[in-house]
Amino acid sequence: MTGTTLCDRAVIRLSGEDVHGFLQGLVTQDVRQVAPDAPRWSGLLSPQGKALFDFVLWAEGDDLLIDCEAAQAEALVRRLTLYRLRRPIAIARDPALAVHWSKAGEAGVPDPRLAALGRRWLAAADGCVEGWHAHRLSLGVPEGVADLGQDQILWLEVNAAELNGVSFTKGCYVGQENTARMNYRQKVNRRLVVVDGPDGPRFERRRVEELDPAALPDWLAGALA
């Protein structure tokens, strides 16, 4: 029987002393707004504001959970561990939890990027679900290294502001200076959008003036109008 598990995702658990404060100074999202029923999409950037990792943040008691690409989970754990220094914080994959998705229904909560993406929740794994990547591609929502690259594309160029992936009021984080400057000066000159390729639709960074609004998803066309 087909399940609901996104089998290419993993969960990282952060527990210990003030994990919310720890991540607040690192990631693009306001961690204070993360709650069990209010996950938040976020990024960990280079000092220049380019995307290194993207993930969904969840809260469980005093712990924070990171819903991320399974192929990038160990690299993300290592990167966070470097920032941890001597803080008494544990950072490791949680094998008891998996990421689940349903295109519709009542389970979980709406995806924090775009409600049309469907429902998302964390629980023990069941069978792998199909259709997630085709669905988000149809809505023009990028995800992971295959779409965003790594240390290649500026966070605002992946439409992070339009997809609720950045806070402009939270204060400092890695890459904040360039990200904030681009936003306030309205200097986002390129956007990551879906284009037709030889092997089917794919994401590509294009200059804003080259984009046809009629070919863009409604959530992006409205923001660029």
Protein backbone atom coordinates (compact mmCIF):
# COMPACT_ATOMS: atom_id res chain seq x y z
CA MET A 1 0.00 0.00 0.00
CA THR A 2 1.31 3.41 -0.94
CA GLY A 3 2.23 5.52 2.07
CA THR A 4 2.78 9.21 2.69
CA THR A 5 6.51 9.31 3.46
CA LEU A 6 8.80 11.54 1.42
CA CYS A 7 11.61 9.01 1.35
CA ASP A 8 14.22 11.46 0.08
CA ARG A 9 13.79 13.65 3.19
CA ALA A 10 15.31 13.30 6.66
CA VAL A 11 14.77 14.85 10.08
CA ILE A 12 17.53 16.43 12.16
CA ARG A 13 16.87 17.08 15.85
CA LEU A 14 18.47 19.93 17.78
CA SER A 15 18.16 19.67 21.55
CA GLY A 16 19.88 21.23 24.53
CA GLU A 17 20.55 24.74 25.73
CA ASP A 18 18.56 27.46 23.89
CA VAL A 19 18.44 25.81 20.45
CA HIS A 20 16.00 28.51 19.32
CA GLY A 21 18.54 31.22 20.11
CA PHE A 22 21.29 29.21 18.43
CA LEU A 23 19.43 28.90 15.12
CA GLN A 24 18.02 32.44 15.34
CA GLY A 25 21.48 33.81 14.64
CA LEU A 26 22.14 31.46 11.73
CA VAL A 27 19.10 30.96 9.50
CA THR A 28 16.92 33.25 7.41
CA GLN A 29 13.67 32.57 9.22
CA ASP A 30 12.48 34.04 12.53
CA VAL A 31 12.80 30.94 14.69
CA ARG A 32 10.62 32.54 17.38
CA GLN A 33 7.63 32.08 15.04
CA VAL A 34 8.13 28.31 14.67
CA ALA A 35 5.53 26.25 16.56
CA PRO A 36 4.27 22.64 16.40
CA ASP A 37 1.42 23.71 14.12
CA ALA A 38 3.40 26.45 12.36
CA PRO A 39 6.52 25.17 10.59
CA ARG A 40 8.63 27.63 8.64
CA TRP A 41 10.67 27.25 5.46
CA SER A 42 14.18 28.62 5.92
CA GLY A 43 17.68 28.67 4.53
CA LEU A 44 21.24 28.53 5.75
CA LEU A 45 23.29 30.87 3.59
CA SER A 46 26.87 31.73 2.79
CA PRO A 47 28.15 35.07 4.14
CA GLN A 48 27.41 36.48 0.65
CA GLY A 49 23.75 35.49 0.93
CA LYS A 50 23.83 32.47 -1.39
CA ALA A 51 21.80 29.34 -0.64
CA LEU A 52 23.72 26.47 0.96
CA PHE A 53 20.82 24.46 2.43
CA ASP A 54 17.05 24.91 2.45
CA PHE A 55 14.76 23.15 4.93
CA VAL A 56 11.55 23.31 6.92
CA LEU A 57 11.81 24.08 10.64
CA TRP A 58 9.47 22.39 13.15
CA ALA A 59 9.15 22.78 16.92
CA GLU A 60 8.68 19.96 19.43
CA GLY A 61 8.77 21.16 23.01
CA ASP A 62 12.12 22.85 23.55
CA ASP A 63 13.63 21.00 20.59
CA LEU A 64 13.78 22.11 16.97
CA LEU A 65 13.44 19.67 14.07
CA ILE A 66 14.85 20.25 10.60
CA ASP A 67 13.05 18.63 7.67
CA CYS A 68 15.73 18.50 4.96
CA GLU A 69 17.04 16.59 1.96
CA ALA A 70 18.27 13.19 3.11
CA ALA A 71 21.26 13.42 0.78
CA GLN A 72 22.33 16.68 2.44
CA ALA A 73 21.47 15.81 6.05
CA GLU A 74 24.96 14.80 7.18
CA ALA A 75 26.53 17.84 5.51
CA LEU A 76 24.00 20.08 7.25
CA VAL A 77 24.71 18.42 10.62
CA ARG A 78 28.43 19.07 10.11
CA ARG A 79 27.86 22.70 9.17
CA LEU A 80 25.63 23.35 12.19
CA THR A 81 28.13 21.58 14.44
CA LEU A 82 30.83 24.00 13.32
CA TYR A 83 28.67 26.92 14.41
CA ARG A 84 27.78 25.24 17.70
CA LEU A 85 31.29 25.69 19.18
CA ARG A 86 31.09 24.73 22.88
CA ARG A 87 27.35 25.12 23.34
CA PRO A 88 25.69 22.11 25.03
CA ILE A 89 23.49 21.35 22.02
CA ALA A 90 22.99 17.94 20.39
CA ILE A 91 22.62 17.94 16.60
CA ALA A 92 21.86 14.60 14.92
CA ARG A 93 19.46 12.82 12.59
CA ASP A 94 16.34 11.49 14.28
CA PRO A 95 15.71 7.99 12.87
CA ALA A 96 12.32 7.74 14.61
CA LEU A 97 10.80 10.49 12.46
CA ALA A 98 10.14 10.89 8.76
CA VAL A 99 8.61 13.64 6.63
CA HIS A 100 5.12 13.00 5.27
CA TRP A 101 3.14 14.69 2.51
CA SER A 102 -0.38 14.59 1.12
CA LYS A 103 -1.69 16.70 -1.75
CA ALA A 104 -4.98 17.13 0.10
CA GLY A 105 -6.78 15.97 3.22
CA GLU A 106 -6.75 16.86 6.91
CA ALA A 107 -3.46 15.37 8.07
CA GLY A 108 -0.65 17.68 9.11
CA VAL A 109 -0.56 21.38 8.32
CA PRO A 110 -0.38 23.40 5.10
CA ASP A 111 3.08 23.66 3.60
CA PRO A 112 4.57 26.92 4.93
CA ARG A 113 5.79 27.99 1.49
CA LEU A 114 2.52 27.77 -0.39
CA ALA A 115 -0.78 26.24 0.71
CA ALA A 116 -1.32 24.77 -2.76
CA LEU A 117 1.68 22.49 -2.17
CA GLY A 118 -0.47 20.38 0.14
CA ARG A 119 -0.15 19.08 3.70
CA ARG A 120 3.01 18.17 5.58
CA TRP A 121 3.77 16.47 8.91
CA LEU A 122 6.37 14.47 10.85
CA ALA A 123 5.77 10.92 12.08
CA ALA A 124 7.21 7.42 11.89
CA ALA A 125 7.89 6.30 8.33
CA ASP A 126 5.44 4.32 6.25
CA GLY A 127 5.52 3.56 2.52
CA CYS A 128 7.01 6.07 0.11
CA VAL A 129 4.65 8.53 -1.55
CA GLU A 130 4.88 9.51 -5.21
CA GLY A 131 4.01 12.76 -6.94
CA TRP A 132 5.56 15.34 -4.63
CA HIS A 133 8.28 16.61 -6.95
CA ALA A 134 6.02 16.72 -10.00
CA HIS A 135 3.45 18.65 -7.96
CA ARG A 136 5.84 21.31 -6.66
CA LEU A 137 7.41 21.62 -10.12
CA SER A 138 3.97 22.33 -11.55
CA LEU A 139 3.62 25.15 -9.01
CA GLY A 140 7.09 26.56 -9.70
CA VAL A 141 8.44 25.92 -6.19
CA PRO A 142 12.15 25.00 -6.09
CA GLU A 143 13.68 22.74 -3.46
CA GLY A 144 17.06 21.27 -2.68
CA VAL A 145 20.49 21.30 -4.25
CA ALA A 146 19.25 20.08 -7.63
CA ASP A 147 17.17 23.25 -8.05
CA LEU A 148 18.93 25.84 -5.88
CA GLY A 149 22.50 24.69 -6.32
CA GLN A 150 24.88 25.19 -3.41
CA ASP A 151 26.64 28.52 -2.90
CA GLN A 152 25.55 29.54 -6.40
CA ILE A 153 22.24 31.44 -6.20
CA LEU A 154 21.30 34.31 -3.90
CA TRP A 155 18.51 33.46 -1.48
CA LEU A 156 16.14 36.14 -2.78
CA GLU A 157 16.70 34.92 -6.35
CA VAL A 158 15.08 31.59 -5.41
CA ASN A 159 11.92 33.59 -4.53
CA ALA A 160 12.46 33.11 -0.80
CA ALA A 161 10.58 36.29 0.11
CA GLU A 162 7.54 35.28 -1.93
CA LEU A 163 7.60 31.75 -0.47
CA ASN A 164 7.82 32.92 3.15
CA GLY A 165 11.42 31.82 3.58
CA VAL A 166 12.99 34.94 5.06
CA SER A 167 12.33 37.46 7.83
CA PHE A 168 13.39 41.06 7.32
CA THR A 169 12.73 42.01 10.94
CA LYS A 170 14.45 39.27 12.97
CA GLY A 171 17.96 40.73 13.12
CA CYS A 172 21.30 39.29 12.09
CA TYR A 173 21.98 35.87 10.57
CA VAL A 174 24.58 34.50 8.19
CA GLY A 175 24.19 36.29 4.84
CA GLN A 176 21.75 38.84 6.25
CA GLU A 177 23.58 41.99 5.14
CA ASN A 178 23.46 41.31 1.41
CA THR A 179 19.98 39.77 1.58
CA ALA A 180 18.53 42.79 3.38
CA ARG A 181 20.28 45.23 1.04
CA MET A 182 18.86 43.49 -2.03
CA ASN A 183 15.38 43.60 -0.55
CA TYR A 184 15.35 47.23 0.52
CA ARG A 185 16.93 48.43 -2.71
CA GLN A 186 14.70 46.13 -4.78
CA LYS A 187 17.73 44.74 -6.55
CA VAL A 188 16.56 41.19 -7.19
CA ASN A 189 17.42 41.19 -10.87
CA ARG A 190 17.19 37.43 -11.48
CA ARG A 191 14.65 34.81 -10.50
CA LEU A 192 14.64 31.03 -10.40
CA VAL A 193 11.76 29.87 -12.62
CA VAL A 194 10.61 26.72 -14.38
CA VAL A 195 11.56 26.51 -18.07
CA ASP A 196 11.19 23.81 -20.69
CA GLY A 197 14.39 21.82 -21.16
CA PRO A 198 15.41 18.96 -23.47
CA ASP A 199 14.52 16.47 -20.72
CA GLY A 200 11.38 18.25 -19.56
CA PRO A 201 10.65 21.17 -17.23
CA ARG A 202 13.49 22.32 -15.01
CA PHE A 203 14.49 25.33 -12.91
CA GLU A 204 16.72 28.01 -14.37
CA ARG A 205 17.77 31.47 -13.23
CA ARG A 206 16.52 34.16 -15.61
CA ARG A 207 16.71 37.94 -15.67
CA VAL A 208 13.47 39.55 -14.51
CA GLU A 209 13.04 41.61 -17.69
CA GLU A 210 13.10 38.38 -19.75
CA LEU A 211 10.22 36.77 -17.86
CA ASP A 212 6.77 36.45 -19.40
CA PRO A 213 4.22 37.03 -16.60
CA ALA A 214 1.74 34.75 -18.38
CA ALA A 215 4.20 31.87 -18.04
CA LEU A 216 4.78 32.39 -14.32
CA PRO A 217 2.80 30.80 -11.46
CA ASP A 218 0.21 33.17 -10.01
CA TRP A 219 2.03 33.56 -6.68
CA LEU A 220 5.15 34.85 -8.46
CA ALA A 221 3.49 36.83 -11.25
CA GLY A 222 1.49 38.79 -8.69
CA ALA A 223 4.59 39.58 -6.65
CA LEU A 224 6.48 40.85 -9.70
CA ALA A 225 3.61 42.93 -11.10
